[in-house]
Amino acid sequence: MSDAEWAVVRDAMPVPAWLEGRGGQPEGYCRRQMVDAVRYLVAGGITWRAMPADFPEWDRVYAFFRRWRDAGLVAEFHDRLRDRVRQAAGRDREPTAGIIDAQSVKAAASVPAASRGFDGAKKAKGRKRHLHGRPRPGPAHVGRTRAGGAVNCGPSAARARP
């Protein structure tokens, strides 16, 4: 992680409880090291337990990641860095274009019948996945419905969804 990226992410980090006098012990690991470890894991597509010895132990990294995810910080980090990349490219912070797609997926017999349907066009029993994505860097909204259900996936329907 570059120093510029770390400066953006560091501002979103919560202040540790022990620094605010709320008790607890000082953290035993550098937060930047933890963020680097999570980025390495995502970029390499490895499992938590396959974390190299250069990083803190995998269970500590996972505990930090889980805490940040539950607090909404992972999404905040992503959004801040995405905004920086878009601004550096001379684009608006928020994307103005989107891609809408749907895919029929066969469902196993263990999937409740109430959530399955039949897609006549694809001749498939199961569910339908709907994806509203941005041209980059990742999905904006993912939904799921019964296959064959009358679902309007046009642009106006995508805008109406949260």
Protein backbone atom coordinates (compact mmCIF):
# COMPACT_ATOMS: atom_id res chain seq x y z
CA MET A 1 0.00 0.00 0.00
CA SER A 2 1.42 3.34 -0.98
CA ASP A 3 1.76 6.18 1.51
CA ALA A 4 -0.93 8.15 -0.35
CA GLU A 5 -3.39 5.22 -0.13
CA TRP A 6 -2.59 4.75 3.54
CA ALA A 7 -3.26 8.43 4.23
CA VAL A 8 -6.76 8.04 2.78
CA VAL A 9 -7.50 4.84 4.69
CA ARG A 10 -5.93 5.96 8.00
CA ASP A 11 -8.42 8.82 8.32
CA ALA A 12 -11.33 6.34 8.26
CA MET A 13 -9.89 4.16 11.05
CA PRO A 14 -11.57 4.45 14.43
CA VAL A 15 -9.50 5.64 17.36
CA PRO A 16 -8.55 2.70 19.60
CA ALA A 17 -10.49 2.56 22.88
CA TRP A 18 -7.37 2.70 25.04
CA LEU A 19 -6.35 6.03 23.45
CA GLU A 20 -9.72 7.54 24.36
CA GLY A 21 -9.54 6.33 27.95
CA ARG A 22 -12.27 3.70 27.49
CA GLY A 23 -10.03 0.90 28.73
CA GLY A 24 -8.46 -2.02 26.93
CA GLN A 25 -4.90 -2.70 25.94
CA PRO A 26 -2.80 -1.16 23.18
CA GLU A 27 -3.10 -3.06 19.92
CA GLY A 28 -0.29 -5.51 19.37
CA TYR A 29 -0.16 -5.03 15.60
CA CYS A 30 0.29 -2.13 13.22
CA ARG A 31 -2.98 -1.33 11.46
CA ARG A 32 -1.20 -0.65 8.19
CA GLN A 33 0.24 -4.16 8.34
CA MET A 34 -3.27 -5.54 8.83
CA VAL A 35 -4.61 -3.63 5.83
CA ASP A 36 -1.65 -4.82 3.74
CA ALA A 37 -2.34 -8.42 4.81
CA VAL A 38 -6.01 -8.20 3.80
CA ARG A 39 -5.06 -6.64 0.46
CA TYR A 40 -2.54 -9.44 -0.13
CA LEU A 41 -5.18 -12.03 0.65
CA VAL A 42 -7.70 -10.49 -1.77
CA ALA A 43 -5.18 -9.89 -4.56
CA GLY A 44 -3.72 -13.41 -4.32
CA GLY A 45 -7.01 -15.22 -3.83
CA ILE A 46 -5.51 -17.25 -0.99
CA THR A 47 -7.19 -18.64 2.11
CA TRP A 48 -6.82 -17.02 5.51
CA ARG A 49 -4.65 -19.87 6.79
CA ALA A 50 -2.25 -19.53 3.84
CA MET A 51 -1.14 -16.06 4.95
CA PRO A 52 2.66 -15.72 4.58
CA ALA A 53 4.84 -15.44 7.67
CA ASP A 54 5.70 -11.81 6.73
CA PHE A 55 2.26 -10.80 7.98
CA PRO A 56 0.74 -11.22 11.45
CA GLU A 57 -0.94 -14.53 12.25
CA TRP A 58 -3.99 -15.22 10.08
CA ASP A 59 -6.46 -15.35 12.98
CA ARG A 60 -5.40 -11.87 14.15
CA VAL A 61 -5.71 -10.48 10.62
CA TYR A 62 -9.14 -12.10 10.28
CA ALA A 63 -10.25 -10.68 13.65
CA PHE A 64 -9.31 -7.15 12.53
CA PHE A 65 -10.98 -7.67 9.14
CA ARG A 66 -14.18 -9.00 10.74
CA ARG A 67 -14.31 -6.06 13.15
CA TRP A 68 -13.79 -3.57 10.30
CA ARG A 69 -16.34 -5.33 8.07
CA ASP A 70 -19.00 -5.36 10.79
CA ALA A 71 -18.43 -1.66 11.44
CA GLY A 72 -18.76 -0.85 7.71
CA LEU A 73 -15.14 0.24 7.38
CA VAL A 74 -14.26 -2.13 4.53
CA ALA A 75 -16.91 -0.50 2.32
CA GLU A 76 -15.71 2.92 3.46
CA PHE A 77 -12.10 2.09 2.52
CA HIS A 78 -13.25 0.85 -0.89
CA ASP A 79 -15.36 3.92 -1.56
CA ARG A 80 -12.63 6.37 -0.54
CA LEU A 81 -9.99 4.70 -2.69
CA ARG A 82 -12.42 4.37 -5.62
CA ASP A 83 -13.19 8.08 -5.39
CA ARG A 84 -9.46 8.88 -5.49
CA VAL A 85 -8.91 6.64 -8.55
CA ARG A 86 -11.85 8.24 -10.37
CA GLN A 87 -10.69 11.77 -9.55
CA ALA A 88 -7.14 10.97 -10.69
CA ALA A 89 -8.60 9.78 -14.00
CA GLY A 90 -10.49 13.09 -14.36
CA ARG A 91 -13.92 11.55 -13.72
CA ASP A 92 -16.74 12.30 -11.29
CA ARG A 93 -16.52 10.63 -7.90
CA GLU A 94 -19.83 8.81 -8.44
CA PRO A 95 -20.33 6.62 -11.53
CA THR A 96 -22.96 7.81 -13.99
CA ALA A 97 -23.23 4.62 -16.05
CA GLY A 98 -24.32 1.14 -15.08
CA ILE A 99 -24.70 -2.31 -16.55
CA ILE A 100 -27.80 -4.40 -15.90
CA ASP A 101 -27.85 -8.16 -16.42
CA ALA A 102 -29.80 -11.24 -15.31
CA GLN A 103 -28.80 -14.87 -15.24
CA SER A 104 -30.89 -18.01 -14.73
CA VAL A 105 -29.35 -20.49 -12.33
CA LYS A 106 -30.48 -24.06 -11.74
CA ALA A 107 -31.44 -24.66 -8.12
CA ALA A 108 -30.84 -27.84 -6.17
CA ALA A 109 -33.75 -29.88 -4.84
CA SER A 110 -32.85 -28.65 -1.35
CA VAL A 111 -33.78 -25.06 -2.31
CA PRO A 112 -37.33 -24.23 -1.12
CA ALA A 113 -39.94 -24.40 -3.88
CA ALA A 114 -41.24 -20.95 -2.96
CA SER A 115 -37.98 -19.39 -4.11
CA ARG A 116 -37.71 -21.40 -7.35
CA GLY A 117 -39.45 -20.86 -10.66
CA PHE A 118 -39.22 -21.79 -14.34
CA ASP A 119 -37.55 -19.59 -16.93
CA GLY A 120 -39.27 -20.48 -20.19
CA ALA A 121 -36.73 -18.70 -22.35
CA LYS A 122 -33.81 -20.66 -20.95
CA LYS A 123 -35.79 -23.82 -20.12
CA ALA A 124 -34.34 -23.75 -16.60
CA LYS A 125 -35.91 -24.39 -13.20
CA GLY A 126 -34.38 -22.39 -10.42
CA ARG A 127 -33.59 -18.81 -9.56
CA LYS A 128 -32.60 -15.69 -11.42
CA ARG A 129 -29.69 -13.51 -10.34
CA HIS A 130 -29.85 -9.82 -11.18
CA LEU A 131 -26.77 -7.67 -11.21
CA HIS A 132 -26.55 -3.93 -11.52
CA GLY A 133 -22.90 -3.14 -11.97
CA ARG A 134 -20.67 -0.25 -12.73
CA PRO A 135 -18.27 -0.32 -15.66
CA ARG A 136 -15.56 -0.53 -12.96
CA PRO A 137 -14.44 -1.44 -10.30
CA GLY A 138 -17.16 -3.83 -9.07
CA PRO A 139 -20.84 -4.63 -8.55
CA ALA A 140 -23.18 -1.98 -7.25
CA HIS A 141 -26.25 -4.10 -6.46
CA VAL A 142 -27.00 -7.81 -6.60
CA GLY A 143 -30.48 -9.30 -6.23
CA ARG A 144 -32.22 -12.65 -6.61
CA THR A 145 -35.75 -13.66 -7.65
CA ARG A 146 -37.59 -16.78 -8.75
CA ALA A 147 -36.85 -17.78 -12.32
CA GLY A 148 -39.74 -17.02 -14.62
CA GLY A 149 -41.18 -14.36 -12.39
CA ALA A 150 -42.27 -11.21 -14.19
CA VAL A 151 -39.39 -8.96 -13.27
CA ASN A 152 -38.77 -5.65 -14.98
CA CYS A 153 -35.00 -5.34 -15.24
CA GLY A 154 -34.99 -2.24 -17.36
CA PRO A 155 -33.06 0.90 -16.47
CA SER A 156 -36.02 2.49 -14.69
CA ALA A 157 -36.41 -0.58 -12.46
CA ALA A 158 -32.72 -0.51 -11.56
CA ARG A 159 -32.92 3.15 -10.59
CA ALA A 160 -35.94 2.45 -8.40
CA ARG A 161 -34.09 -0.16 -6.31
CA PRO A 162 -32.05 0.91 -3.28
